[in-house]
Amino acid sequence: MRGGARAPPGFAIDPAAARLAARGGRCRRRFSVFSFFRSSILPFLPPRLPILPMKKTLSAALLLAASLGAQAGERPERSERSLSTRYTACMNGPDATTAGMHGCIAAETARQDTALNAAYKRLQQAIAPARKPALLDAQRAWLKFRDANCGFRADPDGGTLAGLSAASCVMQMTADRAQELGDLATEAASH
């Protein structure tokens, strides 16, 4: 280009400014953030990408996940069956904000933790005394795994959805473990 217009690294030269500079004209702004976006990022985006409010986007994502998980004729997963109706009502309630969802998840996690502790105590009473240390070791290892696994989901660069994912992970894993220990306690008591 004849006018010597150069953009700093990472920026593209605005075509209109480049034409003006090539004809010897002067331009106050030879590059812009918009020209960088238009030349570097925009070609990779799908056409007419809708920009939706966060509440609607998150609600749509949750509905999509629920619909994919509940295909016609399939039974719900064990963890879905073990979550309370209060949790479902809370999540479908009028407070569909991130803070509201965190509140619903925290309340359900507390309910599932209570169920987990009750199932653990029932199992402890139903097994032979020689197996109790192994149960304690298994439960401690499971708690360590749950915390590490769900902590990994709390990506600091993941935004608010990462926090919801991590909290939901703790809730789901706790519900699954409560169901598992309850099943084991029932099985051990029948022997």
Protein backbone atom coordinates (compact mmCIF):
# COMPACT_ATOMS: atom_id res chain seq x y z
CA MET A 1 0.00 0.00 0.00
CA ARG A 2 1.43 3.37 -1.04
CA GLY A 3 0.23 5.56 1.79
CA GLY A 4 2.32 3.63 4.27
CA ALA A 5 -0.68 2.99 6.48
CA ARG A 6 0.19 0.19 8.86
CA ALA A 7 -1.89 -1.36 11.55
CA PRO A 8 -0.43 -2.54 14.81
CA PRO A 9 -0.20 -6.32 15.25
CA GLY A 10 -3.63 -7.87 15.69
CA PHE A 11 -5.48 -5.08 13.86
CA ALA A 12 -6.55 -4.86 10.25
CA ILE A 13 -6.53 -1.70 8.21
CA ASP A 14 -9.97 -0.30 7.49
CA PRO A 15 -10.43 -0.67 3.69
CA ALA A 16 -11.96 2.80 3.35
CA ALA A 17 -9.03 4.36 5.20
CA ALA A 18 -6.57 2.36 3.08
CA ARG A 19 -8.18 3.63 -0.18
CA LEU A 20 -8.09 7.20 1.10
CA ALA A 21 -4.44 6.86 2.12
CA ALA A 22 -3.56 5.28 -1.25
CA ARG A 23 -4.93 8.35 -3.07
CA GLY A 24 -2.82 10.61 -0.90
CA GLY A 25 -5.66 11.69 1.32
CA ARG A 26 -5.39 11.95 5.06
CA CYS A 27 -7.47 9.96 7.47
CA ARG A 28 -7.56 10.44 11.19
CA ARG A 29 -8.22 6.79 11.88
CA ARG A 30 -6.52 4.20 9.73
CA PHE A 31 -7.54 1.15 11.73
CA SER A 32 -10.15 0.35 14.32
CA VAL A 33 -11.29 -2.41 16.58
CA PHE A 34 -14.37 -2.76 14.39
CA SER A 35 -12.24 -3.34 11.30
CA PHE A 36 -10.29 -5.98 13.21
CA PHE A 37 -13.53 -7.68 14.25
CA ARG A 38 -14.96 -7.45 10.74
CA SER A 39 -11.87 -8.89 9.04
CA SER A 40 -10.62 -11.39 11.64
CA ILE A 41 -13.55 -12.68 13.66
CA LEU A 42 -16.74 -12.07 11.70
CA PRO A 43 -15.93 -14.47 8.83
CA PHE A 44 -15.80 -17.38 11.29
CA LEU A 45 -19.19 -16.66 12.90
CA PRO A 46 -22.38 -18.16 11.50
CA PRO A 47 -24.55 -15.69 9.61
CA ARG A 48 -27.13 -13.80 11.67
CA LEU A 49 -25.86 -15.06 15.02
CA PRO A 50 -28.57 -14.13 17.51
CA ILE A 51 -27.46 -12.37 20.65
CA LEU A 52 -29.87 -13.49 23.34
CA PRO A 53 -30.13 -12.38 26.94
CA MET A 54 -28.30 -14.68 29.36
CA LYS A 55 -31.50 -15.80 31.12
CA LYS A 56 -33.11 -16.99 27.89
CA THR A 57 -29.89 -18.61 26.65
CA LEU A 58 -29.36 -20.48 29.91
CA SER A 59 -33.01 -21.56 30.03
CA ALA A 60 -32.79 -22.82 26.45
CA ALA A 61 -29.59 -24.74 27.24
CA LEU A 62 -31.21 -26.37 30.27
CA LEU A 63 -34.32 -27.28 28.28
CA LEU A 64 -32.18 -28.76 25.52
CA ALA A 65 -30.21 -30.83 28.03
CA ALA A 66 -33.43 -32.05 29.63
CA SER A 67 -34.98 -32.96 26.30
CA LEU A 68 -31.89 -34.85 25.18
CA GLY A 69 -31.85 -36.79 28.42
CA ALA A 70 -35.54 -37.69 28.30
CA GLN A 71 -35.98 -39.30 24.89
CA ALA A 72 -39.34 -40.88 24.15
CA GLY A 73 -39.84 -44.21 25.88
CA GLU A 74 -36.69 -44.00 28.04
CA ARG A 75 -36.71 -44.18 31.79
CA PRO A 76 -35.06 -41.28 33.61
CA GLU A 77 -31.55 -41.77 34.93
CA ARG A 78 -31.21 -42.96 38.51
CA SER A 79 -29.98 -39.53 39.66
CA GLU A 80 -32.97 -37.81 38.00
CA ARG A 81 -35.35 -40.12 39.88
CA SER A 82 -33.64 -39.44 43.19
CA LEU A 83 -33.85 -35.65 43.01
CA SER A 84 -36.74 -34.16 44.95
CA THR A 85 -39.85 -32.61 43.47
CA ARG A 86 -39.02 -29.45 45.43
CA TYR A 87 -35.84 -29.11 43.37
CA THR A 88 -37.76 -29.47 40.10
CA ALA A 89 -40.37 -26.94 41.26
CA CYS A 90 -37.63 -24.54 42.36
CA MET A 91 -35.78 -24.77 39.04
CA ASN A 92 -39.02 -24.26 37.10
CA GLY A 93 -40.08 -21.39 39.36
CA PRO A 94 -40.11 -17.68 38.62
CA ASP A 95 -36.56 -17.03 39.93
CA ALA A 96 -34.66 -18.41 36.92
CA THR A 97 -31.61 -16.27 37.56
CA THR A 98 -28.15 -17.67 38.17
CA ALA A 99 -28.43 -16.82 41.86
CA GLY A 100 -31.85 -18.47 42.03
CA MET A 101 -30.50 -21.62 40.37
CA HIS A 102 -27.59 -21.70 42.82
CA GLY A 103 -30.12 -21.47 45.65
CA CYS A 104 -32.15 -24.38 44.24
CA ILE A 105 -29.03 -26.49 43.78
CA ALA A 106 -27.73 -25.68 47.28
CA ALA A 107 -31.05 -26.62 48.90
CA GLU A 108 -31.23 -29.90 46.95
CA THR A 109 -27.59 -30.68 47.77
CA ALA A 110 -28.41 -30.28 51.47
CA ARG A 111 -31.40 -32.65 51.09
CA GLN A 112 -29.27 -35.19 49.20
CA ASP A 113 -26.48 -34.92 51.78
CA THR A 114 -29.00 -35.71 54.54
CA ALA A 115 -30.19 -38.72 52.51
CA LEU A 116 -26.57 -39.78 51.96
CA ASN A 117 -25.78 -39.64 55.68
CA ALA A 118 -28.92 -41.64 56.53
CA ALA A 119 -28.10 -44.29 53.89
CA TYR A 120 -24.51 -44.49 55.16
CA LYS A 121 -25.71 -45.06 58.73
CA ARG A 122 -28.20 -47.72 57.58
CA LEU A 123 -25.48 -49.50 55.62
CA GLN A 124 -23.07 -49.29 58.54
CA GLN A 125 -25.63 -50.96 60.79
CA ALA A 126 -26.41 -53.67 58.21
CA ILE A 127 -22.84 -54.86 57.50
CA ALA A 128 -20.51 -56.99 59.59
CA PRO A 129 -18.17 -55.11 61.97
CA ALA A 130 -15.14 -56.35 60.01
CA ARG A 131 -16.37 -54.52 56.87
CA LYS A 132 -16.93 -51.12 58.57
CA PRO A 133 -13.34 -49.85 58.13
CA ALA A 134 -13.50 -50.68 54.41
CA LEU A 135 -16.79 -48.76 54.12
CA LEU A 136 -15.23 -45.77 55.88
CA ASP A 137 -12.21 -45.85 53.53
CA ALA A 138 -14.46 -46.14 50.48
CA GLN A 139 -16.63 -43.22 51.61
CA ARG A 140 -13.59 -41.01 52.29
CA ALA A 141 -12.17 -41.86 48.86
CA TRP A 142 -15.52 -41.14 47.23
CA LEU A 143 -15.76 -37.73 48.97
CA LYS A 144 -12.25 -36.86 47.81
CA PHE A 145 -13.09 -37.92 44.24
CA ARG A 146 -16.40 -35.99 44.22
CA ASP A 147 -14.74 -32.81 45.44
CA ALA A 148 -11.87 -33.09 42.93
CA ASN A 149 -14.14 -34.03 40.02
CA CYS A 150 -16.65 -31.27 40.64
CA GLY A 151 -13.93 -28.77 41.54
CA PHE A 152 -12.46 -29.31 38.10
CA ARG A 153 -15.76 -28.21 36.55
CA ALA A 154 -15.51 -24.85 38.32
CA ASP A 155 -13.34 -23.38 35.56
CA PRO A 156 -12.31 -19.86 36.61
CA ASP A 157 -12.61 -18.74 32.97
CA GLY A 158 -15.94 -20.51 32.47
CA GLY A 159 -18.20 -17.74 33.72
CA THR A 160 -21.38 -18.27 35.70
CA LEU A 161 -22.25 -21.47 33.87
CA ALA A 162 -19.08 -23.14 35.21
CA GLY A 163 -20.17 -22.36 38.77
CA LEU A 164 -23.60 -23.85 38.10
CA SER A 165 -22.00 -26.90 36.52
CA ALA A 166 -19.75 -27.48 39.53
CA ALA A 167 -22.60 -27.05 42.03
CA SER A 168 -24.86 -29.30 39.96
CA CYS A 169 -22.09 -31.90 39.80
CA VAL A 170 -21.85 -32.04 43.62
CA MET A 171 -25.64 -32.34 43.84
CA GLN A 172 -25.89 -35.12 41.22
CA MET A 173 -22.95 -37.13 42.57
CA THR A 174 -24.31 -36.85 46.12
CA ALA A 175 -27.75 -38.03 44.95
CA ASP A 176 -26.18 -40.94 43.07
CA ARG A 177 -24.10 -41.98 46.07
CA ALA A 178 -27.08 -41.73 48.43
CA GLN A 179 -29.04 -44.00 46.08
CA GLU A 180 -26.10 -46.43 45.80
CA LEU A 181 -25.57 -46.67 49.56
CA GLY A 182 -29.33 -47.02 50.09
CA ASP A 183 -29.42 -49.91 47.61
CA LEU A 184 -26.44 -51.54 49.33
CA ALA A 185 -28.06 -51.12 52.75
CA THR A 186 -31.28 -52.74 51.52
CA GLU A 187 -29.31 -55.60 49.98
CA ALA A 188 -27.19 -56.12 53.12
CA ALA A 189 -30.25 -56.05 55.39
CA SER A 190 -31.95 -58.77 53.30
CA HIS A 191 -29.10 -61.25 53.88
